[in-house]
């Protein structure tokens, strides 16, 4: 593990004003603020030979798995420094790995910016594709109880209002 790279990571996170916590040597848990996805949590790990970034995006889709994973593969062609991946249960992450010599403040800013843009920008699309039935059930339940629909408004087009 490289103390010099850790110094760059800490200086970068402080300079960006991001909320983070150190978890042992070379491990930082960072919270990126968003709008559609209210926050994206990610790990920055300074290893012996590589720097790794890993961010949770959303849990395993309930439905339309092929469509969700196809979307993620197409998105991978447009991402900088990170790519979509799934874990053994199908939860969706953004991951990236680079050499330690590539870790600079501007590069870390680009990587974190890409994680935030992808996780936040793709979040509603992933929900629409993989959780449409759950969104419809939630909408109906809230309507039946007179609950607020404010955070479901982006998905109003999924609701059959004619029937």
Protein backbone atom coordinates (compact mmCIF):
# COMPACT_ATOMS: atom_id res chain seq x y z
CA UNK A 1 0.00 0.00 0.00
CA UNK A 2 1.25 3.46 -0.89
CA UNK A 3 1.15 6.24 1.72
CA UNK A 4 1.67 8.78 -1.09
CA UNK A 5 -1.48 7.57 -2.89
CA UNK A 6 -3.41 7.67 0.39
CA UNK A 7 -2.34 11.31 0.80
CA UNK A 8 -3.69 12.07 -2.68
CA UNK A 9 -6.99 10.32 -1.87
CA UNK A 10 -7.47 12.20 1.42
CA UNK A 11 -6.49 15.56 -0.11
CA UNK A 12 -8.85 14.95 -3.04
CA UNK A 13 -11.81 13.97 -0.87
CA UNK A 14 -11.23 16.93 1.45
CA UNK A 15 -10.88 19.26 -1.53
CA UNK A 16 -14.16 18.02 -2.99
CA UNK A 17 -15.89 18.41 0.36
CA UNK A 18 -17.11 14.81 0.31
CA UNK A 19 -18.23 12.88 3.35
CA UNK A 20 -15.95 9.90 3.97
CA UNK A 21 -14.55 7.68 6.67
CA UNK A 22 -11.28 5.79 6.77
CA UNK A 23 -11.62 2.09 7.56
CA UNK A 24 -8.12 0.85 8.21
CA UNK A 25 -5.13 1.49 6.03
CA UNK A 26 -5.96 2.40 2.44
CA UNK A 27 -9.76 1.92 2.72
CA UNK A 28 -12.15 4.86 2.45
CA UNK A 29 -15.94 4.74 2.51
CA UNK A 30 -17.23 7.74 0.55
CA UNK A 31 -20.77 9.10 0.23
CA UNK A 32 -21.56 10.90 -3.02
CA UNK A 33 -24.69 13.10 -2.96
CA UNK A 34 -27.19 12.64 -5.78
CA UNK A 35 -30.59 13.75 -6.97
CA UNK A 36 -32.40 10.71 -8.39
CA UNK A 37 -30.44 8.28 -6.24
CA UNK A 38 -30.14 10.36 -3.10
CA UNK A 39 -26.67 9.08 -2.35
CA UNK A 40 -24.17 6.64 -3.75
CA UNK A 41 -21.83 4.91 -1.34
CA UNK A 42 -18.50 3.75 -2.63
CA UNK A 43 -15.27 2.25 -1.45
CA UNK A 44 -11.89 3.59 -2.48
CA UNK A 45 -9.19 1.03 -1.80
CA UNK A 46 -5.47 1.67 -2.09
CA UNK A 47 -3.92 -1.77 -2.52
CA UNK A 48 -0.36 -2.92 -2.84
CA UNK A 49 -0.46 -2.85 -6.65
CA UNK A 50 -3.72 -1.18 -7.67
CA UNK A 51 -6.33 1.37 -6.74
CA UNK A 52 -9.93 0.11 -6.70
CA UNK A 53 -13.24 1.95 -6.67
CA UNK A 54 -16.50 0.11 -6.00
CA UNK A 55 -19.97 1.63 -5.66
CA UNK A 56 -23.32 0.00 -4.95
CA UNK A 57 -25.96 1.13 -7.49
CA UNK A 58 -29.06 -0.98 -6.81
CA UNK A 59 -30.20 -4.38 -5.68
CA UNK A 60 -30.96 -7.29 -7.99
CA UNK A 61 -33.85 -6.44 -10.32
CA UNK A 62 -37.17 -8.11 -9.56
CA UNK A 63 -38.00 -8.54 -13.26
CA UNK A 64 -36.77 -7.98 -16.81
CA UNK A 65 -33.29 -9.21 -15.94
CA UNK A 66 -32.17 -9.54 -19.57
CA UNK A 67 -33.28 -5.98 -20.34
CA UNK A 68 -31.53 -4.58 -17.26
CA UNK A 69 -28.27 -6.41 -17.93
CA UNK A 70 -28.39 -5.53 -21.62
CA UNK A 71 -28.80 -1.87 -20.66
CA UNK A 72 -25.80 -2.12 -18.32
CA UNK A 73 -23.61 -3.71 -20.99
CA UNK A 74 -24.51 -0.97 -23.47
CA UNK A 75 -23.78 1.69 -20.84
CA UNK A 76 -20.36 0.15 -20.15
CA UNK A 77 -19.24 1.29 -23.60
CA UNK A 78 -19.75 4.91 -22.60
CA UNK A 79 -18.28 4.95 -19.09
CA UNK A 80 -14.88 6.32 -18.11
CA UNK A 81 -12.69 4.31 -15.77
CA UNK A 82 -15.49 2.21 -14.26
CA UNK A 83 -17.92 -0.40 -15.52
CA UNK A 84 -21.11 -2.01 -14.36
CA UNK A 85 -20.86 -5.42 -12.72
CA UNK A 86 -23.09 -7.71 -10.70
CA UNK A 87 -22.30 -9.69 -7.58
CA UNK A 88 -23.26 -13.35 -7.05
CA UNK A 89 -26.86 -12.45 -6.07
CA UNK A 90 -27.30 -10.02 -8.97
CA UNK A 91 -26.93 -6.70 -7.13
CA UNK A 92 -25.54 -3.98 -9.40
CA UNK A 93 -22.26 -2.15 -8.80
CA UNK A 94 -19.90 0.21 -10.56
CA UNK A 95 -16.29 -0.96 -10.29
CA UNK A 96 -12.96 0.22 -11.55
CA UNK A 97 -9.29 -0.55 -11.07
CA UNK A 98 -6.22 1.39 -12.06
CA UNK A 99 -2.52 1.46 -11.33
CA UNK A 100 -1.35 3.38 -8.28
CA UNK A 101 0.64 5.76 -10.47
CA UNK A 102 -2.64 6.87 -12.11
CA UNK A 103 -4.14 8.17 -8.85
CA UNK A 104 -4.01 11.96 -8.99
CA UNK A 105 -6.47 14.55 -7.74
CA UNK A 106 -7.80 15.30 -11.25
CA UNK A 107 -8.10 11.59 -12.06
CA UNK A 108 -9.89 10.82 -8.79
CA UNK A 109 -12.26 13.71 -9.48
CA UNK A 110 -13.03 12.22 -12.93
CA UNK A 111 -13.59 8.72 -11.51
CA UNK A 112 -15.87 9.89 -8.70
CA UNK A 113 -17.69 12.18 -11.12
CA UNK A 114 -18.26 9.24 -13.46
CA UNK A 115 -19.54 7.05 -10.61
CA UNK A 116 -21.96 9.76 -9.53
CA UNK A 117 -23.11 10.54 -13.06
CA UNK A 118 -23.72 6.88 -13.87
CA UNK A 119 -25.30 5.80 -10.58
CA UNK A 120 -27.50 8.89 -10.33
CA UNK A 121 -28.20 9.25 -14.05
CA UNK A 122 -29.07 5.59 -14.66
CA UNK A 123 -30.96 5.00 -11.41
CA UNK A 124 -34.50 5.77 -12.59
CA UNK A 125 -33.98 3.79 -15.80
CA UNK A 126 -32.81 0.79 -13.78
CA UNK A 127 -35.86 1.10 -11.52
CA UNK A 128 -38.21 1.39 -14.50
CA UNK A 129 -36.72 -1.67 -16.18
CA UNK A 130 -36.21 -3.90 -13.17
CA UNK A 131 -38.88 -2.86 -10.70
CA UNK A 132 -41.88 -1.64 -12.75
CA UNK A 133 -44.34 -4.02 -11.07
CA UNK A 134 -43.14 -2.99 -7.61
CA UNK A 135 -43.47 0.68 -8.54
CA UNK A 136 -47.05 0.10 -9.73
CA UNK A 137 -47.94 -1.76 -6.51
CA UNK A 138 -46.38 1.00 -4.40
CA UNK A 139 -48.30 3.65 -6.36
CA UNK A 140 -51.60 1.82 -5.82
CA UNK A 141 -50.91 1.31 -2.11
CA UNK A 142 -50.08 4.98 -1.58
CA UNK A 143 -53.16 6.10 -3.50
CA UNK A 144 -55.37 3.77 -1.42
CA UNK A 145 -53.98 5.25 1.81
CA UNK A 146 -53.82 8.86 0.65
CA UNK A 147 -50.03 8.86 0.96
CA UNK A 148 -47.71 11.21 -0.92
CA UNK A 149 -46.69 10.22 -4.44
CA UNK A 150 -43.97 12.88 -4.63
CA UNK A 151 -40.98 10.56 -4.94
CA UNK A 152 -42.85 8.31 -7.40
CA UNK A 153 -43.68 11.16 -9.81
CA UNK A 154 -40.75 10.31 -12.13
CA UNK A 155 -42.50 6.96 -12.72
CA UNK A 156 -46.00 8.28 -13.35
CA UNK A 157 -45.76 7.20 -17.01
CA UNK A 158 -45.65 3.56 -15.80
CA UNK A 159 -49.09 3.87 -14.20
CA UNK A 160 -52.22 3.04 -16.19
CA UNK A 161 -54.39 6.03 -15.27
CA UNK A 162 -57.21 5.02 -17.68
CA UNK A 163 -58.20 1.83 -15.97
